[in-house]
């Protein structure tokens, strides 16, 4: 009887420790002190602007928009890609994917500029019939659809980065395909998600063993790949062989917060949108009346163990909830979010 009691107590202690760690990792005990040294304005009319990226030559912002609350309620509406001209004061977003007449619920997006000056936009598309990467060419202020790519391995795509006209890396944010097992995967912080590589002909697993593989990007020279692992609360850095697409793990950068998408500035610094309180994010997903803090980190990465992490923006969720992406431009950055209907243009960063 005594031995059984000790066993029960031991199990309870381990369970309590696990729950406490889970709550700590989710940011339950964090104190949010909002700060930003510049000023931000809202640009509305964009339901669920989860991802965005800026054309490095023109200043045009490409925005992935989808009403995710409608989708969660079982009544999805057609999403789209919007463009916003940062060089025009007071410019309004305009839909540029109207010519795509198939079901469209865009998620992560990525731009690719080829050697001939052509611009291609890659977009993850969640549809009733499957998960796809749509490849568009941007011509005359419109997106012209070129190709749809699907694969059995890609059943839970989140973000992607294009590395060629027909090649890309894409994150599969869960290792399990069933909703119930995905919940178990998240709660137990299982490292089952992975990165896929499409070489223009076939798709294969390029790296695996992550807790919710999320945002992904590459350095300007294509030699390094950066992966946001939300549950791991870290950025995984890989060296990349451009010829084969093979990834070699290099090192991890611990953030102590849940990273989402990754964008890079002209100097190569990473701008990472984060969810500092994951339980608040889950509450916000269920109820638009509940806000979720938004956090933007700037990472200057040199070598293993040689990096600088700056928290350049933190808000309690009242200005923008559940920040999912921060795209830098000269003098500031833009912020997108998962559910609500606006982005931020923030200027005046030091």
C-alpha atoms as a PDB file:
ATOM      1  CA  UNK A   1       0.000   0.000   0.000  1.00  0.00           C
ATOM      2  CA  UNK A   2       2.817   2.391   0.920  1.00  0.00           C
ATOM      3  CA  UNK A   3       4.660   1.649  -2.341  1.00  0.00           C
ATOM      4  CA  UNK A   4       1.502   2.280  -4.380  1.00  0.00           C
ATOM      5  CA  UNK A   5       0.938   5.587  -2.576  1.00  0.00           C
ATOM      6  CA  UNK A   6       4.499   6.697  -3.305  1.00  0.00           C
ATOM      7  CA  UNK A   7       4.004   5.784  -6.961  1.00  0.00           C
ATOM      8  CA  UNK A   8       0.777   7.810  -7.159  1.00  0.00           C
ATOM      9  CA  UNK A   9       2.377  10.815  -5.467  1.00  0.00           C
ATOM     10  CA  UNK A  10       5.374  10.631  -7.808  1.00  0.00           C
ATOM     11  CA  UNK A  11       3.079  10.554 -10.854  1.00  0.00           C
ATOM     12  CA  UNK A  12       1.104  13.524  -9.528  1.00  0.00           C
ATOM     13  CA  UNK A  13       4.288  15.503  -8.876  1.00  0.00           C
ATOM     14  CA  UNK A  14       5.570  14.824 -12.395  1.00  0.00           C
ATOM     15  CA  UNK A  15       2.160  15.738 -13.870  1.00  0.00           C
ATOM     16  CA  UNK A  16       2.041  18.979 -11.871  1.00  0.00           C
ATOM     17  CA  UNK A  17       5.574  19.831 -12.992  1.00  0.00           C
ATOM     18  CA  UNK A  18       4.636  19.135 -16.607  1.00  0.00           C
ATOM     19  CA  UNK A  19       1.537  21.337 -16.389  1.00  0.00           C
ATOM     20  CA  UNK A  20       3.538  24.121 -14.743  1.00  0.00           C
ATOM     21  CA  UNK A  21       6.204  23.924 -17.479  1.00  0.00           C
ATOM     22  CA  UNK A  22       3.532  23.953 -20.197  1.00  0.00           C
ATOM     23  CA  UNK A  23       1.902  27.051 -18.712  1.00  0.00           C
ATOM     24  CA  UNK A  24       5.287  28.737 -18.326  1.00  0.00           C
ATOM     25  CA  UNK A  25       6.274  27.949 -21.907  1.00  0.00           C
ATOM     26  CA  UNK A  26       2.900  29.291 -23.078  1.00  0.00           C
ATOM     27  CA  UNK A  27       3.732  32.627 -21.444  1.00  0.00           C
ATOM     28  CA  UNK A  28       0.998  32.562 -18.787  1.00  0.00           C
ATOM     29  CA  UNK A  29       3.178  34.340 -16.242  1.00  0.00           C
ATOM     30  CA  UNK A  30       4.626  37.012 -18.577  1.00  0.00           C
ATOM     31  CA  UNK A  31       4.060  40.658 -17.793  1.00  0.00           C
ATOM     32  CA  UNK A  32       3.351  42.684 -20.942  1.00  0.00           C
ATOM     33  CA  UNK A  33       4.740  46.230 -20.887  1.00  0.00           C
ATOM     34  CA  UNK A  34       3.777  47.819 -24.242  1.00  0.00           C
ATOM     35  CA  UNK A  35       6.434  49.892 -25.974  1.00  0.00           C
ATOM     36  CA  UNK A  36       7.444  51.199 -29.392  1.00  0.00           C
ATOM     37  CA  UNK A  37       9.589  54.230 -30.118  1.00  0.00           C
ATOM     38  CA  UNK A  38       7.727  55.272 -33.260  1.00  0.00           C
ATOM     39  CA  UNK A  39       4.138  55.674 -34.400  1.00  0.00           C
ATOM     40  CA  UNK A  40       1.827  53.206 -36.138  1.00  0.00           C
ATOM     41  CA  UNK A  41      -1.196  53.715 -38.361  1.00  0.00           C
ATOM     42  CA  UNK A  42      -3.850  51.168 -39.268  1.00  0.00           C
ATOM     43  CA  UNK A  43      -4.733  50.107 -42.797  1.00  0.00           C
ATOM     44  CA  UNK A  44      -8.108  48.341 -42.737  1.00  0.00           C
ATOM     45  CA  UNK A  45     -10.154  46.215 -45.095  1.00  0.00           C
ATOM     46  CA  UNK A  46      -7.948  43.117 -44.946  1.00  0.00           C
ATOM     47  CA  UNK A  47      -9.557  40.168 -43.102  1.00  0.00           C
ATOM     48  CA  UNK A  48      -6.939  37.897 -41.572  1.00  0.00           C
ATOM     49  CA  UNK A  49      -3.765  39.461 -43.095  1.00  0.00           C
ATOM     50  CA  UNK A  50      -1.643  36.595 -41.782  1.00  0.00           C
ATOM     51  CA  UNK A  51       1.382  37.059 -44.034  1.00  0.00           C
ATOM     52  CA  UNK A  52       2.867  39.885 -46.053  1.00  0.00           C
ATOM     53  CA  UNK A  53       6.100  40.662 -47.841  1.00  0.00           C
ATOM     54  CA  UNK A  54       7.550  43.687 -49.623  1.00  0.00           C
ATOM     55  CA  UNK A  55       8.920  43.761 -53.158  1.00  0.00           C
ATOM     56  CA  UNK A  56      12.542  44.911 -52.662  1.00  0.00           C
ATOM     57  CA  UNK A  57      12.632  46.976 -55.864  1.00  0.00           C
ATOM     58  CA  UNK A  58       9.189  48.588 -56.072  1.00  0.00           C
ATOM     59  CA  UNK A  59       7.999  48.935 -52.476  1.00  0.00           C
ATOM     60  CA  UNK A  60       4.776  47.072 -53.300  1.00  0.00           C
ATOM     61  CA  UNK A  61       3.468  45.077 -50.329  1.00  0.00           C
ATOM     62  CA  UNK A  62       1.853  41.710 -51.073  1.00  0.00           C
ATOM     63  CA  UNK A  63      -0.673  40.651 -48.418  1.00  0.00           C
ATOM     64  CA  UNK A  64      -2.260  37.242 -47.833  1.00  0.00           C
ATOM     65  CA  UNK A  65      -5.841  37.785 -46.645  1.00  0.00           C
ATOM     66  CA  UNK A  66      -8.447  35.259 -45.542  1.00  0.00           C
ATOM     67  CA  UNK A  67     -11.370  35.477 -43.106  1.00  0.00           C
ATOM     68  CA  UNK A  68     -10.181  32.783 -40.723  1.00  0.00           C
ATOM     69  CA  UNK A  69     -12.991  33.336 -38.223  1.00  0.00           C
ATOM     70  CA  UNK A  70     -15.524  32.582 -40.959  1.00  0.00           C
ATOM     71  CA  UNK A  71     -13.583  29.432 -41.793  1.00  0.00           C
ATOM     72  CA  UNK A  72     -13.539  28.336 -38.141  1.00  0.00           C
ATOM     73  CA  UNK A  73     -17.309  28.908 -38.010  1.00  0.00           C
ATOM     74  CA  UNK A  74     -17.762  26.578 -40.965  1.00  0.00           C
ATOM     75  CA  UNK A  75     -18.726  29.312 -43.429  1.00  0.00           C
ATOM     76  CA  UNK A  76     -15.537  30.126 -45.366  1.00  0.00           C
ATOM     77  CA  UNK A  77     -15.464  33.012 -47.825  1.00  0.00           C
ATOM     78  CA  UNK A  78     -13.091  33.472 -50.742  1.00  0.00           C
ATOM     79  CA  UNK A  79      -9.735  34.897 -49.680  1.00  0.00           C
ATOM     80  CA  UNK A  80      -7.269  36.822 -51.792  1.00  0.00           C
ATOM     81  CA  UNK A  81      -3.905  38.464 -52.294  1.00  0.00           C
ATOM     82  CA  UNK A  82      -3.800  42.247 -51.971  1.00  0.00           C
ATOM     83  CA  UNK A  83      -1.198  44.817 -52.970  1.00  0.00           C
ATOM     84  CA  UNK A  84      -0.374  48.060 -51.186  1.00  0.00           C
ATOM     85  CA  UNK A  85       1.985  50.711 -52.559  1.00  0.00           C
ATOM     86  CA  UNK A  86       4.214  51.987 -49.749  1.00  0.00           C
ATOM     87  CA  UNK A  87       5.559  54.756 -51.965  1.00  0.00           C
ATOM     88  CA  UNK A  88       2.113  56.381 -52.270  1.00  0.00           C
ATOM     89  CA  UNK A  89       0.881  58.260 -49.214  1.00  0.00           C
ATOM     90  CA  UNK A  90      -2.631  57.172 -48.271  1.00  0.00           C
ATOM     91  CA  UNK A  91      -2.567  54.249 -50.694  1.00  0.00           C
ATOM     92  CA  UNK A  92      -5.333  51.679 -50.162  1.00  0.00           C
ATOM     93  CA  UNK A  93      -4.931  47.914 -50.586  1.00  0.00           C
ATOM     94  CA  UNK A  94      -6.235  46.502 -53.860  1.00  0.00           C
ATOM     95  CA  UNK A  95      -7.062  42.897 -54.665  1.00  0.00           C
ATOM     96  CA  UNK A  96      -4.775  41.466 -57.332  1.00  0.00           C
ATOM     97  CA  UNK A  97      -5.885  37.808 -57.300  1.00  0.00           C
ATOM     98  CA  UNK A  98      -9.388  38.378 -58.726  1.00  0.00           C
ATOM     99  CA  UNK A  99      -8.470  36.412 -61.854  1.00  0.00           C
ATOM    100  CA  UNK A 100      -7.958  33.227 -59.802  1.00  0.00           C
ATOM    101  CA  UNK A 101     -11.440  31.679 -59.889  1.00  0.00           C
ATOM    102  CA  UNK A 102     -10.728  28.513 -57.901  1.00  0.00           C
ATOM    103  CA  UNK A 103     -11.263  28.143 -54.152  1.00  0.00           C
ATOM    104  CA  UNK A 104      -8.639  30.314 -52.479  1.00  0.00           C
ATOM    105  CA  UNK A 105      -7.724  30.541 -48.796  1.00  0.00           C
ATOM    106  CA  UNK A 106      -4.143  31.843 -48.770  1.00  0.00           C
ATOM    107  CA  UNK A 107      -1.817  31.421 -45.814  1.00  0.00           C
ATOM    108  CA  UNK A 108       1.969  31.867 -46.058  1.00  0.00           C
ATOM    109  CA  UNK A 109       3.343  33.672 -49.127  1.00  0.00           C
ATOM    110  CA  UNK A 110       6.766  34.229 -50.664  1.00  0.00           C
ATOM    111  CA  UNK A 111       8.157  36.349 -53.506  1.00  0.00           C
ATOM    112  CA  UNK A 112      10.748  35.168 -56.000  1.00  0.00           C
ATOM    113  CA  UNK A 113      12.488  37.470 -58.494  1.00  0.00           C
ATOM    114  CA  UNK A 114      14.195  35.644 -61.364  1.00  0.00           C
ATOM    115  CA  UNK A 115      17.204  36.804 -63.363  1.00  0.00           C
ATOM    116  CA  UNK A 116      15.029  38.225 -66.127  1.00  0.00           C
ATOM    117  CA  UNK A 117      13.246  40.676 -63.841  1.00  0.00           C
ATOM    118  CA  UNK A 118      10.071  38.592 -63.550  1.00  0.00           C
ATOM    119  CA  UNK A 119       8.244  38.460 -60.210  1.00  0.00           C
ATOM    120  CA  UNK A 120       6.593  35.296 -58.925  1.00  0.00           C
ATOM    121  CA  UNK A 121       4.401  34.953 -55.857  1.00  0.00           C
ATOM    122  CA  UNK A 122       3.985  31.590 -54.115  1.00  0.00           C
ATOM    123  CA  UNK A 123       0.983  31.104 -51.816  1.00  0.00           C
ATOM    124  CA  UNK A 124      -0.185  28.245 -49.615  1.00  0.00           C
ATOM    125  CA  UNK A 125      -3.832  27.484 -50.357  1.00  0.00           C
ATOM    126  CA  UNK A 126      -6.083  25.539 -47.946  1.00  0.00           C
ATOM    127  CA  UNK A 127      -9.058  24.093 -49.846  1.00  0.00           C
ATOM    128  CA  UNK A 128     -11.773  21.535 -49.229  1.00  0.00           C
ATOM    129  CA  UNK A 129     -10.130  19.187 -51.707  1.00  0.00           C
ATOM    130  CA  UNK A 130      -6.591  19.466 -50.378  1.00  0.00           C
ATOM    131  CA  UNK A 131      -3.547  21.581 -49.594  1.00  0.00           C
ATOM    132  CA  UNK A 132      -1.712  23.315 -52.416  1.00  0.00           C
ATOM    133  CA  UNK A 133       1.020  25.757 -53.224  1.00  0.00           C
ATOM    134  CA  UNK A 134      -0.166  28.149 -55.923  1.00  0.00           C
ATOM    135  CA  UNK A 135       2.466  29.813 -58.101  1.00  0.00           C
ATOM    136  CA  UNK A 136       1.526  33.141 -59.694  1.00  0.00           C
ATOM    137  CA  UNK A 137       3.393  35.547 -61.916  1.00  0.00           C
ATOM    138  CA  UNK A 138       2.887  39.239 -61.124  1.00  0.00           C
ATOM    139  CA  UNK A 139       2.210  41.084 -64.395  1.00  0.00           C
ATOM    140  CA  UNK A 140       0.641  44.522 -64.828  1.00  0.00           C
ATOM    141  CA  UNK A 141      -0.628  44.796 -61.258  1.00  0.00           C
ATOM    142  CA  UNK A 142      -2.347  41.393 -61.399  1.00  0.00           C
ATOM    143  CA  UNK A 143      -1.476  37.834 -60.464  1.00  0.00           C
ATOM    144  CA  UNK A 144      -1.505  35.326 -63.321  1.00  0.00           C
ATOM    145  CA  UNK A 145      -1.787  31.750 -62.106  1.00  0.00           C
ATOM    146  CA  UNK A 146       0.908  29.418 -63.409  1.00  0.00           C
ATOM    147  CA  UNK A 147       0.804  26.206 -61.383  1.00  0.00           C
ATOM    148  CA  UNK A 148      -0.781  24.303 -58.462  1.00  0.00           C
ATOM    149  CA  UNK A 149       1.368  21.863 -56.488  1.00  0.00           C
ATOM    150  CA  UNK A 150       0.088  19.325 -53.974  1.00  0.00           C
ATOM    151  CA  UNK A 151       1.649  16.304 -52.272  1.00  0.00           C
ATOM    152  CA  UNK A 152       0.573  13.739 -49.602  1.00  0.00           C
ATOM    153  CA  UNK A 153       3.403  14.865 -47.299  1.00  0.00           C
ATOM    154  CA  UNK A 154       2.067  18.424 -47.353  1.00  0.00           C
ATOM    155  CA  UNK A 155      -1.133  18.024 -45.325  1.00  0.00           C
ATOM    156  CA  UNK A 156      -0.675  20.909 -42.866  1.00  0.00           C
ATOM    157  CA  UNK A 157       1.330  23.629 -44.664  1.00  0.00           C
ATOM    158  CA  UNK A 158       1.891  26.908 -42.866  1.00  0.00           C
ATOM    159  CA  UNK A 159       4.597  29.013 -44.501  1.00  0.00           C
ATOM    160  CA  UNK A 160       6.972  28.718 -47.424  1.00  0.00           C
ATOM    161  CA  UNK A 161       9.972  30.335 -49.056  1.00  0.00           C
ATOM    162  CA  UNK A 162      10.571  30.237 -52.801  1.00  0.00           C
ATOM    163  CA  UNK A 163      14.144  29.520 -53.938  1.00  0.00           C
ATOM    164  CA  UNK A 164      13.495  29.198 -57.671  1.00  0.00           C
ATOM    165  CA  UNK A 165      10.783  29.687 -60.273  1.00  0.00           C
ATOM    166  CA  UNK A 166       9.499  26.169 -59.496  1.00  0.00           C
ATOM    167  CA  UNK A 167      11.203  25.276 -56.200  1.00  0.00           C
ATOM    168  CA  UNK A 168      10.481  26.064 -52.565  1.00  0.00           C
ATOM    169  CA  UNK A 169      10.653  24.958 -48.935  1.00  0.00           C
ATOM    170  CA  UNK A 170       7.390  24.672 -47.006  1.00  0.00           C
ATOM    171  CA  UNK A 171       6.674  24.000 -43.332  1.00  0.00           C
ATOM    172  CA  UNK A 172       4.250  21.293 -42.238  1.00  0.00           C
ATOM    173  CA  UNK A 173       3.300  22.584 -38.793  1.00  0.00           C
ATOM    174  CA  UNK A 174       2.083  19.200 -37.462  1.00  0.00           C
ATOM    175  CA  UNK A 175       3.310  15.662 -37.805  1.00  0.00           C
ATOM    176  CA  UNK A 176      -0.130  14.137 -37.224  1.00  0.00           C
ATOM    177  CA  UNK A 177      -2.894  14.605 -39.763  1.00  0.00           C
ATOM    178  CA  UNK A 178      -5.931  13.974 -37.538  1.00  0.00           C
ATOM    179  CA  UNK A 179      -7.286  16.922 -35.456  1.00  0.00           C
ATOM    180  CA  UNK A 180      -7.366  14.912 -32.226  1.00  0.00           C
ATOM    181  CA  UNK A 181      -3.757  13.795 -32.502  1.00  0.00           C
ATOM    182  CA  UNK A 182      -2.705  17.333 -33.444  1.00  0.00           C
ATOM    183  CA  UNK A 183      -4.150  18.540 -30.130  1.00  0.00           C
ATOM    184  CA  UNK A 184      -2.144  15.863 -28.319  1.00  0.00           C
ATOM    185  CA  UNK A 185       0.941  16.882 -30.310  1.00  0.00           C
ATOM    186  CA  UNK A 186       0.537  20.522 -29.219  1.00  0.00           C
ATOM    187  CA  UNK A 187      -0.290  19.798 -25.557  1.00  0.00           C
ATOM    188  CA  UNK A 188       2.590  17.346 -25.098  1.00  0.00           C
ATOM    189  CA  UNK A 189       4.928  19.640 -27.087  1.00  0.00           C
ATOM    190  CA  UNK A 190       5.876  16.768 -29.362  1.00  0.00           C
ATOM    191  CA  UNK A 191       8.510  17.574 -31.972  1.00  0.00           C
ATOM    192  CA  UNK A 192       6.898  15.927 -34.976  1.00  0.00           C
ATOM    193  CA  UNK A 193       6.557  18.722 -37.539  1.00  0.00           C
ATOM    194  CA  UNK A 194       8.929  19.155 -40.455  1.00  0.00           C
ATOM    195  CA  UNK A 195      10.199  21.121 -43.457  1.00  0.00           C
ATOM    196  CA  UNK A 196       9.548  19.938 -47.009  1.00  0.00           C
ATOM    197  CA  UNK A 197      11.534  20.746 -50.132  1.00  0.00           C
ATOM    198  CA  UNK A 198      10.055  20.821 -53.630  1.00  0.00           C
ATOM    199  CA  UNK A 199      12.743  20.722 -56.306  1.00  0.00           C
ATOM    200  CA  UNK A 200      10.436  21.362 -59.257  1.00  0.00           C
ATOM    201  CA  UNK A 201       9.597  17.686 -59.721  1.00  0.00           C
ATOM    202  CA  UNK A 202       9.074  16.017 -56.348  1.00  0.00           C
ATOM    203  CA  UNK A 203       8.656  16.806 -52.671  1.00  0.00           C
ATOM    204  CA  UNK A 204      10.687  15.349 -49.808  1.00  0.00           C
ATOM    205  CA  UNK A 205      11.365  15.958 -46.118  1.00  0.00           C
ATOM    206  CA  UNK A 206      14.334  18.309 -45.767  1.00  0.00           C
ATOM    207  CA  UNK A 207      14.416  18.612 -41.959  1.00  0.00           C
ATOM    208  CA  UNK A 208      12.291  17.238 -39.133  1.00  0.00           C
ATOM    209  CA  UNK A 209      11.845  17.137 -35.372  1.00  0.00           C
ATOM    210  CA  UNK A 210      10.300  20.523 -34.548  1.00  0.00           C
ATOM    211  CA  UNK A 211       7.577  21.698 -32.219  1.00  0.00           C
ATOM    212  CA  UNK A 212       5.191  23.453 -34.632  1.00  0.00           C
ATOM    213  CA  UNK A 213       7.346  24.375 -37.636  1.00  0.00           C
ATOM    214  CA  UNK A 214       6.034  27.790 -38.631  1.00  0.00           C
ATOM    215  CA  UNK A 215       7.678  30.712 -40.458  1.00  0.00           C
ATOM    216  CA  UNK A 216      10.557  30.079 -42.852  1.00  0.00           C
ATOM    217  CA  UNK A 217      12.933  32.218 -44.895  1.00  0.00           C
ATOM    218  CA  UNK A 218      16.391  32.221 -46.467  1.00  0.00           C
ATOM    219  CA  UNK A 219      19.279  34.667 -46.431  1.00  0.00           C
ATOM    220  CA  UNK A 220      19.801  36.891 -49.486  1.00  0.00           C
ATOM    221  CA  UNK A 221      22.646  34.695 -50.744  1.00  0.00           C
ATOM    222  CA  UNK A 222      20.584  31.531 -50.231  1.00  0.00           C
ATOM    223  CA  UNK A 223      23.243  29.928 -48.046  1.00  0.00           C
ATOM    224  CA  UNK A 224      21.286  29.957 -44.778  1.00  0.00           C
ATOM    225  CA  UNK A 225      17.719  28.943 -43.989  1.00  0.00           C
ATOM    226  CA  UNK A 226      15.823  30.143 -40.916  1.00  0.00           C
ATOM    227  CA  UNK A 227      12.922  28.245 -39.357  1.00  0.00           C
ATOM    228  CA  UNK A 228      10.593  29.462 -36.605  1.00  0.00           C
ATOM    229  CA  UNK A 229       9.598  26.629 -34.264  1.00  0.00           C
ATOM    230  CA  UNK A 230       6.719  28.079 -32.246  1.00  0.00           C
ATOM    231  CA  UNK A 231       6.416  25.447 -29.518  1.00  0.00           C
ATOM    232  CA  UNK A 232      10.231  25.200 -29.263  1.00  0.00           C
ATOM    233  CA  UNK A 233      10.256  29.021 -28.843  1.00  0.00           C
ATOM    234  CA  UNK A 234      13.316  29.235 -31.050  1.00  0.00           C
ATOM    235  CA  UNK A 235      14.735  29.894 -34.510  1.00  0.00           C
ATOM    236  CA  UNK A 236      16.564  26.969 -36.112  1.00  0.00           C
ATOM    237  CA  UNK A 237      19.408  27.981 -38.440  1.00  0.00           C
ATOM    238  CA  UNK A 238      20.529  25.710 -41.286  1.00  0.00           C
ATOM    239  CA  UNK A 239      23.257  25.880 -43.894  1.00  0.00           C
ATOM    240  CA  UNK A 240      21.811  25.234 -47.326  1.00  0.00           C
ATOM    241  CA  UNK A 241      23.313  23.658 -50.421  1.00  0.00           C
ATOM    242  CA  UNK A 242      21.753  25.642 -53.269  1.00  0.00           C
ATOM    243  CA  UNK A 243      22.465  22.968 -55.902  1.00  0.00           C
ATOM    244  CA  UNK A 244      20.811  20.051 -54.095  1.00  0.00           C
ATOM    245  CA  UNK A 245      18.529  21.886 -51.651  1.00  0.00           C
ATOM    246  CA  UNK A 246      19.960  19.839 -48.770  1.00  0.00           C
ATOM    247  CA  UNK A 247      19.810  21.425 -45.312  1.00  0.00           C
ATOM    248  CA  UNK A 248      22.422  20.918 -42.594  1.00  0.00           C
ATOM    249  CA  UNK A 249      21.476  21.902 -39.008  1.00  0.00           C
ATOM    250  CA  UNK A 250      23.753  24.633 -37.729  1.00  0.00           C
ATOM    251  CA  UNK A 251      22.402  25.993 -34.435  1.00  0.00           C
ATOM    252  CA  UNK A 252      19.278  27.219 -32.617  1.00  0.00           C
ATOM    253  CA  UNK A 253      18.525  30.683 -31.259  1.00  0.00           C
ATOM    254  CA  UNK A 254      16.331  30.561 -28.146  1.00  0.00           C
ATOM    255  CA  UNK A 255      13.785  33.374 -27.983  1.00  0.00           C
ATOM    256  CA  UNK A 256      11.671  32.588 -24.929  1.00  0.00           C
ATOM    257  CA  UNK A 257       8.535  33.414 -26.936  1.00  0.00           C
ATOM    258  CA  UNK A 258       6.499  31.826 -29.730  1.00  0.00           C
ATOM    259  CA  UNK A 259       7.843  32.921 -33.138  1.00  0.00           C
ATOM    260  CA  UNK A 260       5.609  33.068 -36.211  1.00  0.00           C
ATOM    261  CA  UNK A 261       6.708  34.383 -39.620  1.00  0.00           C
ATOM    262  CA  UNK A 262      10.187  35.665 -40.528  1.00  0.00           C
ATOM    263  CA  UNK A 263      11.148  38.520 -42.870  1.00  0.00           C
ATOM    264  CA  UNK A 264      14.613  39.971 -43.540  1.00  0.00           C
ATOM    265  CA  UNK A 265      15.793  43.552 -43.988  1.00  0.00           C
ATOM    266  CA  UNK A 266      18.363  44.777 -46.525  1.00  0.00           C
ATOM    267  CA  UNK A 267      21.206  44.151 -44.062  1.00  0.00           C
ATOM    268  CA  UNK A 268      20.135  40.569 -43.400  1.00  0.00           C
ATOM    269  CA  UNK A 269      18.590  41.077 -39.955  1.00  0.00           C
ATOM    270  CA  UNK A 270      15.574  38.898 -39.149  1.00  0.00           C
ATOM    271  CA  UNK A 271      12.254  40.478 -38.188  1.00  0.00           C
ATOM    272  CA  UNK A 272      10.208  37.921 -36.281  1.00  0.00           C
ATOM    273  CA  UNK A 273       6.583  38.382 -35.232  1.00  0.00           C
ATOM    274  CA  UNK A 274       5.871  36.493 -32.014  1.00  0.00           C
ATOM    275  CA  UNK A 275       3.082  35.359 -29.711  1.00  0.00           C
ATOM    276  CA  UNK A 276       4.367  35.968 -26.165  1.00  0.00           C
ATOM    277  CA  UNK A 277       1.227  34.537 -24.494  1.00  0.00           C
ATOM    278  CA  UNK A 278       0.047  31.488 -26.398  1.00  0.00           C
ATOM    279  CA  UNK A 279      -3.005  30.849 -24.220  1.00  0.00           C
ATOM    280  CA  UNK A 280      -4.192  34.377 -24.966  1.00  0.00           C
ATOM    281  CA  UNK A 281      -3.728  33.600 -28.656  1.00  0.00           C
ATOM    282  CA  UNK A 282      -5.952  30.528 -28.346  1.00  0.00           C
ATOM    283  CA  UNK A 283      -8.596  32.572 -26.495  1.00  0.00           C
ATOM    284  CA  UNK A 284      -8.414  35.270 -29.192  1.00  0.00           C
ATOM    285  CA  UNK A 285      -8.902  32.633 -31.892  1.00  0.00           C
ATOM    286  CA  UNK A 286     -12.181  31.584 -30.263  1.00  0.00           C
ATOM    287  CA  UNK A 287     -13.418  35.048 -29.287  1.00  0.00           C
ATOM    288  CA  UNK A 288     -12.629  38.268 -31.180  1.00  0.00           C
ATOM    289  CA  UNK A 289     -13.465  40.212 -28.036  1.00  0.00           C
ATOM    290  CA  UNK A 290     -10.373  38.802 -26.326  1.00  0.00           C
ATOM    291  CA  UNK A 291      -7.058  40.303 -27.360  1.00  0.00           C
ATOM    292  CA  UNK A 292      -3.686  38.595 -27.727  1.00  0.00           C
ATOM    293  CA  UNK A 293      -0.356  40.424 -27.254  1.00  0.00           C
ATOM    294  CA  UNK A 294       1.818  41.227 -30.265  1.00  0.00           C
ATOM    295  CA  UNK A 295       5.608  41.215 -30.201  1.00  0.00           C
ATOM    296  CA  UNK A 296       8.233  42.016 -32.832  1.00  0.00           C
ATOM    297  CA  UNK A 297      11.853  40.938 -32.427  1.00  0.00           C
ATOM    298  CA  UNK A 298      14.796  42.026 -34.549  1.00  0.00           C
ATOM    299  CA  UNK A 299      17.590  39.449 -34.725  1.00  0.00           C
ATOM    300  CA  UNK A 300      21.040  40.366 -35.958  1.00  0.00           C
ATOM    301  CA  UNK A 301      22.661  37.000 -36.645  1.00  0.00           C
ATOM    302  CA  UNK A 302      26.379  36.580 -37.338  1.00  0.00           C
ATOM    303  CA  UNK A 303      27.526  33.131 -36.251  1.00  0.00           C
ATOM    304  CA  UNK A 304      26.672  30.481 -33.695  1.00  0.00           C
ATOM    305  CA  UNK A 305      26.362  32.172 -30.323  1.00  0.00           C
ATOM    306  CA  UNK A 306      26.936  35.572 -31.907  1.00  0.00           C
ATOM    307  CA  UNK A 307      23.584  37.290 -32.303  1.00  0.00           C
ATOM    308  CA  UNK A 308      21.659  40.244 -30.934  1.00  0.00           C
ATOM    309  CA  UNK A 309      17.969  40.035 -30.051  1.00  0.00           C
ATOM    310  CA  UNK A 310      16.083  43.334 -29.788  1.00  0.00           C
ATOM    311  CA  UNK A 311      12.433  43.632 -28.828  1.00  0.00           C
ATOM    312  CA  UNK A 312      11.449  46.595 -31.025  1.00  0.00           C
ATOM    313  CA  UNK A 313       7.678  46.395 -30.528  1.00  0.00           C
ATOM    314  CA  UNK A 314       5.404  45.026 -27.819  1.00  0.00           C
ATOM    315  CA  UNK A 315       1.673  45.627 -27.445  1.00  0.00           C
ATOM    316  CA  UNK A 316      -0.983  44.109 -25.210  1.00  0.00           C
ATOM    317  CA  UNK A 317      -3.183  43.363 -28.208  1.00  0.00           C
ATOM    318  CA  UNK A 318      -5.301  46.500 -28.222  1.00  0.00           C
ATOM    319  CA  UNK A 319      -3.476  48.080 -31.167  1.00  0.00           C
ATOM    320  CA  UNK A 320      -3.078  44.795 -33.032  1.00  0.00           C
ATOM    321  CA  UNK A 321      -3.753  41.280 -31.767  1.00  0.00           C
ATOM    322  CA  UNK A 322      -1.821  38.110 -32.516  1.00  0.00           C
ATOM    323  CA  UNK A 323       0.955  39.550 -34.677  1.00  0.00           C
ATOM    324  CA  UNK A 324       1.983  36.977 -37.271  1.00  0.00           C
ATOM    325  CA  UNK A 325       4.468  38.834 -39.505  1.00  0.00           C
ATOM    326  CA  UNK A 326       6.649  41.960 -39.501  1.00  0.00           C
ATOM    327  CA  UNK A 327       8.079  43.133 -42.823  1.00  0.00           C
ATOM    328  CA  UNK A 328      10.811  45.789 -42.611  1.00  0.00           C
ATOM    329  CA  UNK A 329      11.288  48.763 -44.913  1.00  0.00           C
ATOM    330  CA  UNK A 330      13.527  51.811 -44.637  1.00  0.00           C
ATOM    331  CA  UNK A 331      12.459  53.655 -41.496  1.00  0.00           C
ATOM    332  CA  UNK A 332       9.974  51.125 -40.157  1.00  0.00           C
ATOM    333  CA  UNK A 333       8.048  47.921 -40.631  1.00  0.00           C
ATOM    334  CA  UNK A 334       4.569  46.543 -41.311  1.00  0.00           C
ATOM    335  CA  UNK A 335       2.731  44.175 -38.991  1.00  0.00           C
ATOM    336  CA  UNK A 336       0.163  41.564 -40.019  1.00  0.00           C
ATOM    337  CA  UNK A 337      -2.079  39.444 -37.829  1.00  0.00           C
ATOM    338  CA  UNK A 338      -4.031  36.204 -37.930  1.00  0.00           C
ATOM    339  CA  UNK A 339      -7.689  37.107 -37.465  1.00  0.00           C
ATOM    340  CA  UNK A 340      -8.666  40.783 -37.446  1.00  0.00           C
ATOM    341  CA  UNK A 341      -9.099  43.107 -40.434  1.00  0.00           C
ATOM    342  CA  UNK A 342      -6.147  45.487 -40.446  1.00  0.00           C
ATOM    343  CA  UNK A 343      -2.372  45.744 -40.657  1.00  0.00           C
ATOM    344  CA  UNK A 344      -0.066  48.327 -39.080  1.00  0.00           C
ATOM    345  CA  UNK A 345       2.433  50.605 -40.786  1.00  0.00           C
ATOM    346  CA  UNK A 346       4.955  51.563 -38.113  1.00  0.00           C
ATOM    347  CA  UNK A 347       7.516  54.280 -38.674  1.00  0.00           C
ATOM    348  CA  UNK A 348      10.155  55.941 -36.541  1.00  0.00           C
ATOM    349  CA  UNK A 349      12.096  52.880 -35.404  1.00  0.00           C
ATOM    350  CA  UNK A 350      15.536  53.719 -34.057  1.00  0.00           C
END
